[in-house]
PDB file of N, CA and C in Angstrom:
ATOM      1  N   MET A   1       7.512  16.126   0.648  1.00  0.00           N
ATOM      2  CA  MET A   1       7.735  14.694   0.668  1.00  0.00           C
ATOM      3  C   MET A   1       6.625  14.009  -0.119  1.00  0.00           C
ATOM      4  N   PHE A   2       7.034  13.096  -0.998  1.00  0.00           N
ATOM      5  CA  PHE A   2       6.096  12.284  -1.763  1.00  0.00           C
ATOM      6  C   PHE A   2       6.145  10.857  -1.217  1.00  0.00           C
ATOM      7  N   VAL A   3       4.993  10.204  -1.124  1.00  0.00           N
ATOM      8  CA  VAL A   3       4.917   8.832  -0.626  1.00  0.00           C
ATOM      9  C   VAL A   3       4.312   7.943  -1.708  1.00  0.00           C
ATOM     10  N   ILE A   4       4.998   6.839  -1.991  1.00  0.00           N
ATOM     11  CA  ILE A   4       4.500   5.843  -2.937  1.00  0.00           C
ATOM     12  C   ILE A   4       4.315   4.533  -2.183  1.00  0.00           C
ATOM     13  N   SER A   5       3.130   3.959  -2.292  1.00  0.00           N
ATOM     14  CA  SER A   5       2.858   2.639  -1.733  1.00  0.00           C
ATOM     15  C   SER A   5       2.470   1.724  -2.886  1.00  0.00           C
ATOM     16  N   THR A   6       3.247   0.667  -3.077  1.00  0.00           N
ATOM     17  CA  THR A   6       3.007  -0.223  -4.207  1.00  0.00           C
ATOM     18  C   THR A   6       3.489  -1.634  -3.907  1.00  0.00           C
ATOM     19  N   ARG A   7       2.893  -2.593  -4.583  1.00  0.00           N
ATOM     20  CA  ARG A   7       3.379  -3.973  -4.515  1.00  0.00           C
ATOM     21  C   ARG A   7       4.467  -4.191  -5.560  1.00  0.00           C
ATOM     22  N   ASN A   8       4.491  -3.355  -6.580  1.00  0.00           N
ATOM     23  CA  ASN A   8       5.364  -3.541  -7.742  1.00  0.00           C
ATOM     24  C   ASN A   8       6.437  -2.467  -7.776  1.00  0.00           C
ATOM     25  N   PHE A   9       7.656  -2.861  -7.428  1.00  0.00           N
ATOM     26  CA  PHE A   9       8.746  -1.898  -7.412  1.00  0.00           C
ATOM     27  C   PHE A   9      10.041  -2.630  -7.723  1.00  0.00           C
ATOM     28  N   PRO A  10      10.958  -1.970  -8.434  1.00  0.00           N
ATOM     29  CA  PRO A  10      12.237  -2.605  -8.725  1.00  0.00           C
ATOM     30  C   PRO A  10      12.921  -3.052  -7.423  1.00  0.00           C
ATOM     31  N   PRO A  11      13.703  -4.078  -7.471  1.00  0.00           N
ATOM     32  CA  PRO A  11      14.288  -4.736  -8.635  1.00  0.00           C
ATOM     33  C   PRO A  11      13.418  -5.811  -9.271  1.00  0.00           C
ATOM     34  N   ASP A  12      12.177  -5.975  -8.824  1.00  0.00           N
ATOM     35  CA  ASP A  12      11.283  -6.893  -9.543  1.00  0.00           C
ATOM     36  C   ASP A  12      11.239  -6.484 -11.010  1.00  0.00           C
ATOM     37  N   ILE A  13      11.025  -7.450 -11.879  1.00  0.00           N
ATOM     38  CA  ILE A  13      11.028  -7.194 -13.319  1.00  0.00           C
ATOM     39  C   ILE A  13       9.595  -7.107 -13.828  1.00  0.00           C
ATOM     40  N   GLY A  14       9.328  -6.100 -14.643  1.00  0.00           N
ATOM     41  CA  GLY A  14       8.015  -5.968 -15.258  1.00  0.00           C
ATOM     42  C   GLY A  14       7.691  -4.526 -15.588  1.00  0.00           C
ATOM     43  N   GLY A  15       6.631  -4.354 -16.353  1.00  0.00           N
ATOM     44  CA  GLY A  15       6.232  -3.018 -16.786  1.00  0.00           C
ATOM     45  C   GLY A  15       5.810  -2.120 -15.642  1.00  0.00           C
ATOM     46  N   MET A  16       4.983  -2.645 -14.729  1.00  0.00           N
ATOM     47  CA  MET A  16       4.523  -1.847 -13.595  1.00  0.00           C
ATOM     48  C   MET A  16       5.690  -1.499 -12.670  1.00  0.00           C
ATOM     49  N   GLN A  17       6.616  -2.429 -12.508  1.00  0.00           N
ATOM     50  CA  GLN A  17       7.790  -2.172 -11.682  1.00  0.00           C
ATOM     51  C   GLN A  17       8.625  -1.041 -12.271  1.00  0.00           C
ATOM     52  N   ASN A  18       8.817  -1.063 -13.589  1.00  0.00           N
ATOM     53  CA  ASN A  18       9.563   0.010 -14.255  1.00  0.00           C
ATOM     54  C   ASN A  18       8.840   1.346 -14.124  1.00  0.00           C
ATOM     55  N   LEU A  19       7.524   1.312 -14.252  1.00  0.00           N
ATOM     56  CA  LEU A  19       6.725   2.531 -14.122  1.00  0.00           C
ATOM     57  C   LEU A  19       6.865   3.133 -12.724  1.00  0.00           C
ATOM     58  N   MET A  20       6.784   2.303 -11.695  1.00  0.00           N
ATOM     59  CA  MET A  20       6.890   2.790 -10.313  1.00  0.00           C
ATOM     60  C   MET A  20       8.299   3.299 -10.010  1.00  0.00           C
ATOM     61  N   GLY A  21       9.302   2.603 -10.524  1.00  0.00           N
ATOM     62  CA  GLY A  21      10.678   3.068 -10.350  1.00  0.00           C
ATOM     63  C   GLY A  21      10.897   4.409 -11.031  1.00  0.00           C
ATOM     64  N   GLY A  22      10.357   4.558 -12.237  1.00  0.00           N
ATOM     65  CA  GLY A  22      10.462   5.823 -12.967  1.00  0.00           C
ATOM     66  C   GLY A  22       9.718   6.947 -12.275  1.00  0.00           C
ATOM     67  N   LEU A  23       8.539   6.637 -11.728  1.00  0.00           N
ATOM     68  CA  LEU A  23       7.773   7.640 -10.986  1.00  0.00           C
ATOM     69  C   LEU A  23       8.569   8.131  -9.785  1.00  0.00           C
ATOM     70  N   ALA A  24       9.152   7.203  -9.038  1.00  0.00           N
ATOM     71  CA  ALA A  24       9.931   7.578  -7.857  1.00  0.00           C
ATOM     72  C   ALA A  24      11.117   8.462  -8.239  1.00  0.00           C
ATOM     73  N   LEU A  25      11.826   8.098  -9.293  1.00  0.00           N
ATOM     74  CA  LEU A  25      12.982   8.893  -9.718  1.00  0.00           C
ATOM     75  C   LEU A  25      12.564  10.267 -10.235  1.00  0.00           C
ATOM     76  N   SER A  26      11.435  10.338 -10.927  1.00  0.00           N
ATOM     77  CA  SER A  26      10.940  11.630 -11.421  1.00  0.00           C
ATOM     78  C   SER A  26      10.513  12.532 -10.273  1.00  0.00           C
ATOM     79  N   LEU A  27       9.819  11.959  -9.296  1.00  0.00           N
ATOM     80  CA  LEU A  27       9.383  12.752  -8.139  1.00  0.00           C
ATOM     81  C   LEU A  27      10.569  13.248  -7.323  1.00  0.00           C
ATOM     82  N   LEU A  28      11.648  12.473  -7.323  1.00  0.00           N
ATOM     83  CA  LEU A  28      12.847  12.839  -6.571  1.00  0.00           C
ATOM     84  C   LEU A  28      13.406  14.189  -7.022  1.00  0.00           C
ATOM     85  N   LYS A  29      13.132  14.574  -8.257  1.00  0.00           N
ATOM     86  CA  LYS A  29      13.576  15.874  -8.774  1.00  0.00           C
ATOM     87  C   LYS A  29      12.805  17.029  -8.144  1.00  0.00           C
ATOM     88  N   HIS A  30      11.657  16.717  -7.516  1.00  0.00           N
ATOM     89  CA  HIS A  30      10.790  17.749  -6.936  1.00  0.00           C
ATOM     90  C   HIS A  30      10.742  17.707  -5.415  1.00  0.00           C
ATOM     91  N   GLY A  31      11.446  16.781  -4.820  1.00  0.00           N
ATOM     92  CA  GLY A  31      11.466  16.682  -3.366  1.00  0.00           C
ATOM     93  C   GLY A  31      11.760  15.259  -2.922  1.00  0.00           C
ATOM     94  N   PRO A  32      11.873  15.068  -1.609  1.00  0.00           N
ATOM     95  CA  PRO A  32      12.162  13.726  -1.094  1.00  0.00           C
ATOM     96  C   PRO A  32      11.025  12.746  -1.392  1.00  0.00           C
ATOM     97  N   VAL A  33      11.407  11.477  -1.556  1.00  0.00           N
ATOM     98  CA  VAL A  33      10.444  10.424  -1.881  1.00  0.00           C
ATOM     99  C   VAL A  33      10.608   9.280  -0.883  1.00  0.00           C
ATOM    100  N   LYS A  34       9.491   8.794  -0.383  1.00  0.00           N
ATOM    101  CA  LYS A  34       9.462   7.618   0.497  1.00  0.00           C
ATOM    102  C   LYS A  34       8.632   6.552  -0.199  1.00  0.00           C
ATOM    103  N   VAL A  35       9.175   5.338  -0.310  1.00  0.00           N
ATOM    104  CA  VAL A  35       8.474   4.240  -0.969  1.00  0.00           C
ATOM    105  C   VAL A  35       8.232   3.119   0.037  1.00  0.00           C
ATOM    106  N   PHE A  36       7.002   2.625   0.055  1.00  0.00           N
ATOM    107  CA  PHE A  36       6.647   1.436   0.821  1.00  0.00           C
ATOM    108  C   PHE A  36       6.351   0.348  -0.199  1.00  0.00           C
ATOM    109  N   ALA A  37       7.156  -0.722  -0.189  1.00  0.00           N
ATOM    110  CA  ALA A  37       7.015  -1.786  -1.185  1.00  0.00           C
ATOM    111  C   ALA A  37       7.210  -3.143  -0.522  1.00  0.00           C
ATOM    112  N   GLU A  38       6.899  -4.185  -1.269  1.00  0.00           N
ATOM    113  CA  GLU A  38       7.050  -5.532  -0.746  1.00  0.00           C
ATOM    114  C   GLU A  38       8.505  -5.971  -0.776  1.00  0.00           C
ATOM    115  N   LYS A  39       8.838  -6.854   0.142  1.00  0.00           N
ATOM    116  CA  LYS A  39      10.191  -7.382   0.262  1.00  0.00           C
ATOM    117  C   LYS A  39      10.564  -8.135  -1.010  1.00  0.00           C
ATOM    118  N   ASN A  40      11.857  -8.071  -1.353  1.00  0.00           N
ATOM    119  CA  ASN A  40      12.362  -8.727  -2.552  1.00  0.00           C
ATOM    120  C   ASN A  40      13.730  -9.312  -2.239  1.00  0.00           C
ATOM    121  N   ILE A  41      14.015 -10.472  -2.785  1.00  0.00           N
ATOM    122  CA  ILE A  41      15.288 -11.153  -2.512  1.00  0.00           C
ATOM    123  C   ILE A  41      16.481 -10.305  -2.951  1.00  0.00           C
ATOM    124  N   GLU A  42      16.359  -9.615  -4.077  1.00  0.00           N
ATOM    125  CA  GLU A  42      17.482  -8.859  -4.644  1.00  0.00           C
ATOM    126  C   GLU A  42      17.447  -7.379  -4.270  1.00  0.00           C
ATOM    127  N   GLU A  43      16.699  -7.032  -3.238  1.00  0.00           N
ATOM    128  CA  GLU A  43      16.480  -5.624  -2.922  1.00  0.00           C
ATOM    129  C   GLU A  43      17.692  -4.897  -2.354  1.00  0.00           C
ATOM    130  N   SER A  44      18.559  -5.568  -1.616  1.00  0.00           N
ATOM    131  CA  SER A  44      19.602  -4.858  -0.872  1.00  0.00           C
ATOM    132  C   SER A  44      20.510  -4.022  -1.769  1.00  0.00           C
ATOM    133  N   ASN A  45      20.998  -4.574  -2.864  1.00  0.00           N
ATOM    134  CA  ASN A  45      21.853  -3.796  -3.770  1.00  0.00           C
ATOM    135  C   ASN A  45      21.084  -2.661  -4.422  1.00  0.00           C
ATOM    136  N   PHE A  46      19.859  -2.945  -4.861  1.00  0.00           N
ATOM    137  CA  PHE A  46      19.050  -1.911  -5.508  1.00  0.00           C
ATOM    138  C   PHE A  46      18.767  -0.770  -4.539  1.00  0.00           C
ATOM    139  N   ASP A  47      18.311  -1.100  -3.341  1.00  0.00           N
ATOM    140  CA  ASP A  47      17.922  -0.085  -2.363  1.00  0.00           C
ATOM    141  C   ASP A  47      19.100   0.804  -1.957  1.00  0.00           C
ATOM    142  N   LYS A  48      20.294   0.223  -1.853  1.00  0.00           N
ATOM    143  CA  LYS A  48      21.486   1.001  -1.486  1.00  0.00           C
ATOM    144  C   LYS A  48      21.827   2.040  -2.550  1.00  0.00           C
ATOM    145  N   ASN A  49      21.646   1.676  -3.810  1.00  0.00           N
ATOM    146  CA  ASN A  49      22.065   2.530  -4.922  1.00  0.00           C
ATOM    147  C   ASN A  49      20.951   3.398  -5.498  1.00  0.00           C
ATOM    148  N   ALA A  50      19.721   3.231  -5.037  1.00  0.00           N
ATOM    149  CA  ALA A  50      18.578   3.922  -5.645  1.00  0.00           C
ATOM    150  C   ALA A  50      18.514   5.405  -5.298  1.00  0.00           C
ATOM    151  N   GLY A  51      19.007   5.787  -4.133  1.00  0.00           N
ATOM    152  CA  GLY A  51      18.906   7.188  -3.720  1.00  0.00           C
ATOM    153  C   GLY A  51      17.515   7.557  -3.247  1.00  0.00           C
ATOM    154  N   ILE A  52      16.696   6.548  -2.982  1.00  0.00           N
ATOM    155  CA  ILE A  52      15.318   6.742  -2.540  1.00  0.00           C
ATOM    156  C   ILE A  52      15.165   6.046  -1.192  1.00  0.00           C
ATOM    157  N   ASP A  53      14.392   6.636  -0.292  1.00  0.00           N
ATOM    158  CA  ASP A  53      14.112   6.020   1.005  1.00  0.00           C
ATOM    159  C   ASP A  53      13.037   4.952   0.804  1.00  0.00           C
ATOM    160  N   ILE A  54      13.442   3.680   0.886  1.00  0.00           N
ATOM    161  CA  ILE A  54      12.532   2.567   0.618  1.00  0.00           C
ATOM    162  C   ILE A  54      12.368   1.725   1.871  1.00  0.00           C
ATOM    163  N   THR A  55      11.125   1.476   2.258  1.00  0.00           N
ATOM    164  CA  THR A  55      10.811   0.555   3.345  1.00  0.00           C
ATOM    165  C   THR A  55      10.151  -0.666   2.728  1.00  0.00           C
ATOM    166  N   ARG A  56      10.725  -1.833   2.995  1.00  0.00           N
ATOM    167  CA  ARG A  56      10.204  -3.089   2.448  1.00  0.00           C
ATOM    168  C   ARG A  56       9.414  -3.823   3.533  1.00  0.00           C
ATOM    169  N   ILE A  57       8.265  -4.354   3.147  1.00  0.00           N
ATOM    170  CA  ILE A  57       7.387  -5.047   4.078  1.00  0.00           C
ATOM    171  C   ILE A  57       7.297  -6.511   3.665  1.00  0.00           C
ATOM    172  N   SER A  58       7.438  -7.407   4.651  1.00  0.00           N
ATOM    173  CA  SER A  58       7.363  -8.839   4.374  1.00  0.00           C
ATOM    174  C   SER A  58       6.271  -9.480   5.221  1.00  0.00           C
ATOM    175  N   GLY A  59       6.059 -10.763   5.007  1.00  0.00           N
ATOM    176  CA  GLY A  59       5.087 -11.516   5.786  1.00  0.00           C
ATOM    177  C   GLY A  59       3.919 -11.981   4.940  1.00  0.00           C
ATOM    178  N   PHE A  60       2.972 -12.639   5.599  1.00  0.00           N
ATOM    179  CA  PHE A  60       1.770 -13.100   4.908  1.00  0.00           C
ATOM    180  C   PHE A  60       0.982 -11.907   4.392  1.00  0.00           C
ATOM    181  N   LYS A  61       0.308 -12.101   3.274  1.00  0.00           N
ATOM    182  CA  LYS A  61      -0.369 -11.000   2.582  1.00  0.00           C
ATOM    183  C   LYS A  61      -1.307 -10.207   3.488  1.00  0.00           C
ATOM    184  N   ILE A  62      -2.158 -10.874   4.246  1.00  0.00           N
ATOM    185  CA  ILE A  62      -3.133 -10.169   5.082  1.00  0.00           C
ATOM    186  C   ILE A  62      -2.431  -9.315   6.141  1.00  0.00           C
ATOM    187  N   PHE A  63      -1.370  -9.849   6.745  1.00  0.00           N
ATOM    188  CA  PHE A  63      -0.630  -9.099   7.756  1.00  0.00           C
ATOM    189  C   PHE A  63       0.187  -7.984   7.119  1.00  0.00           C
ATOM    190  N   ARG A  64       0.729  -8.261   5.925  1.00  0.00           N
ATOM    191  CA  ARG A  64       1.528  -7.274   5.199  1.00  0.00           C
ATOM    192  C   ARG A  64       0.701  -6.035   4.881  1.00  0.00           C
ATOM    193  N   LYS A  65      -0.563  -6.236   4.483  1.00  0.00           N
ATOM    194  CA  LYS A  65      -1.442  -5.106   4.159  1.00  0.00           C
ATOM    195  C   LYS A  65      -1.643  -4.201   5.373  1.00  0.00           C
ATOM    196  N   TYR A  66      -1.943  -4.807   6.520  1.00  0.00           N
ATOM    197  CA  TYR A  66      -2.174  -4.018   7.733  1.00  0.00           C
ATOM    198  C   TYR A  66      -0.889  -3.364   8.228  1.00  0.00           C
ATOM    199  N   ARG A  67       0.210  -4.096   8.141  1.00  0.00           N
ATOM    200  CA  ARG A  67       1.493  -3.533   8.577  1.00  0.00           C
ATOM    201  C   ARG A  67       1.872  -2.330   7.717  1.00  0.00           C
ATOM    202  N   LYS A  68       1.695  -2.471   6.406  1.00  0.00           N
ATOM    203  CA  LYS A  68       2.012  -1.365   5.502  1.00  0.00           C
ATOM    204  C   LYS A  68       1.117  -0.166   5.791  1.00  0.00           C
ATOM    205  N   ALA A  69      -0.174  -0.409   5.999  1.00  0.00           N
ATOM    206  CA  ALA A  69      -1.107   0.682   6.305  1.00  0.00           C
ATOM    207  C   ALA A  69      -0.705   1.401   7.586  1.00  0.00           C
ATOM    208  N   ASN A  70      -0.316   0.651   8.600  1.00  0.00           N
ATOM    209  CA  ASN A  70       0.104   1.272   9.861  1.00  0.00           C
ATOM    210  C   ASN A  70       1.408   2.046   9.708  1.00  0.00           C
ATOM    211  N   LEU A  71       2.353   1.506   8.949  1.00  0.00           N
ATOM    212  CA  LEU A  71       3.613   2.217   8.713  1.00  0.00           C
ATOM    213  C   LEU A  71       3.377   3.529   7.971  1.00  0.00           C
ATOM    214  N   ILE A  72       2.499   3.503   6.976  1.00  0.00           N
ATOM    215  CA  ILE A  72       2.190   4.719   6.219  1.00  0.00           C
ATOM    216  C   ILE A  72       1.502   5.742   7.114  1.00  0.00           C
ATOM    217  N   LYS A  73       0.584   5.278   7.946  1.00  0.00           N
ATOM    218  CA  LYS A  73      -0.113   6.186   8.860  1.00  0.00           C
ATOM    219  C   LYS A  73       0.871   6.852   9.818  1.00  0.00           C
ATOM    220  N   GLU A  74       1.742   6.058  10.442  1.00  0.00           N
ATOM    221  CA  GLU A  74       2.744   6.605  11.361  1.00  0.00           C
ATOM    222  C   GLU A  74       3.657   7.594  10.645  1.00  0.00           C
ATOM    223  N   PHE A  75       4.093   7.233   9.449  1.00  0.00           N
ATOM    224  CA  PHE A  75       4.985   8.095   8.684  1.00  0.00           C
ATOM    225  C   PHE A  75       4.308   9.416   8.335  1.00  0.00           C
ATOM    226  N   SER A  76       3.037   9.348   7.932  1.00  0.00           N
ATOM    227  CA  SER A  76       2.326  10.565   7.522  1.00  0.00           C
ATOM    228  C   SER A  76       2.052  11.498   8.696  1.00  0.00           C
ATOM    229  N   LEU A  77       1.922  10.951   9.894  1.00  0.00           N
ATOM    230  CA  LEU A  77       1.703  11.795  11.072  1.00  0.00           C
ATOM    231  C   LEU A  77       2.971  12.545  11.483  1.00  0.00           C
ATOM    232  N   LYS A  78       4.134  11.995  11.131  1.00  0.00           N
ATOM    233  CA  LYS A  78       5.411  12.588  11.535  1.00  0.00           C
ATOM    234  C   LYS A  78       6.048  13.455  10.452  1.00  0.00           C
ATOM    235  N   ASN A  79       5.507  13.425   9.237  1.00  0.00           N
ATOM    236  CA  ASN A  79       6.125  14.130   8.112  1.00  0.00           C
ATOM    237  C   ASN A  79       5.099  14.954   7.347  1.00  0.00           C
ATOM    238  N   SER A  80       5.585  15.983   6.676  1.00  0.00           N
ATOM    239  CA  SER A  80       4.731  16.805   5.824  1.00  0.00           C
ATOM    240  C   SER A  80       4.684  16.168   4.435  1.00  0.00           C
ATOM    241  N   ILE A  81       3.517  15.677   4.048  1.00  0.00           N
ATOM    242  CA  ILE A  81       3.359  14.948   2.790  1.00  0.00           C
ATOM    243  C   ILE A  81       2.728  15.849   1.737  1.00  0.00           C
ATOM    244  N   ARG A  82       3.376  15.951   0.579  1.00  0.00           N
ATOM    245  CA  ARG A  82       2.820  16.725  -0.540  1.00  0.00           C
ATOM    246  C   ARG A  82       1.813  15.917  -1.333  1.00  0.00           C
ATOM    247  N   ALA A  83       2.095  14.618  -1.524  1.00  0.00           N
ATOM    248  CA  ALA A  83       1.187  13.772  -2.305  1.00  0.00           C
ATOM    249  C   ALA A  83       1.421  12.305  -1.974  1.00  0.00           C
ATOM    250  N   PHE A  84       0.334  11.535  -2.007  1.00  0.00           N
ATOM    251  CA  PHE A  84       0.376  10.086  -1.855  1.00  0.00           C
ATOM    252  C   PHE A  84       0.098   9.446  -3.207  1.00  0.00           C
ATOM    253  N   PHE A  85       0.832   8.395  -3.519  1.00  0.00           N
ATOM    254  CA  PHE A  85       0.573   7.578  -4.701  1.00  0.00           C
ATOM    255  C   PHE A  85       0.379   6.156  -4.192  1.00  0.00           C
ATOM    256  N   LEU A  86      -0.862   5.708  -4.138  1.00  0.00           N
ATOM    257  CA  LEU A  86      -1.196   4.381  -3.627  1.00  0.00           C
ATOM    258  C   LEU A  86      -1.588   3.508  -4.812  1.00  0.00           C
ATOM    259  N   ILE A  87      -0.678   2.630  -5.225  1.00  0.00           N
ATOM    260  CA  ILE A  87      -0.861   1.885  -6.456  1.00  0.00           C
ATOM    261  C   ILE A  87      -0.846   0.389  -6.162  1.00  0.00           C
ATOM    262  N   THR A  88      -1.920  -0.301  -6.561  1.00  0.00           N
ATOM    263  CA  THR A  88      -2.013  -1.738  -6.324  1.00  0.00           C
ATOM    264  C   THR A  88      -1.522  -2.558  -7.505  1.00  0.00           C
ATOM    265  N   GLY A  89      -1.550  -1.994  -8.690  1.00  0.00           N
ATOM    266  CA  GLY A  89      -1.158  -2.742  -9.876  1.00  0.00           C
ATOM    267  C   GLY A  89      -2.283  -3.579 -10.435  1.00  0.00           C
ATOM    268  N   LYS A  90      -3.452  -3.479  -9.841  1.00  0.00           N
ATOM    269  CA  LYS A  90      -4.620  -4.227 -10.320  1.00  0.00           C
ATOM    270  C   LYS A  90      -5.625  -3.247 -10.892  1.00  0.00           C
ATOM    271  N   VAL A  91      -6.294  -3.666 -11.956  1.00  0.00           N
ATOM    272  CA  VAL A  91      -7.292  -2.801 -12.584  1.00  0.00           C
ATOM    273  C   VAL A  91      -8.657  -3.434 -12.456  1.00  0.00           C
TER     274      VAL A  91
END
């Protein structure tokens, strides 16, 4: 199982979003992929058709960070993880 945590994920538009979407699809060829990303208005159609297990997190930024961290921790304790990709999109 591969885990990706990012703020930038399709269907949002942009270079980083395309990169993260491509990474998830490429990793899917090597095993299951779980993505933790921010909530998006247009997510429902994308998430249904993506073939990737995506959990969307909403709320105020400070709470969203802690909620995402706790969700990832719980998920990692219950699953065998091959690799984590924790990407903020900031350099």
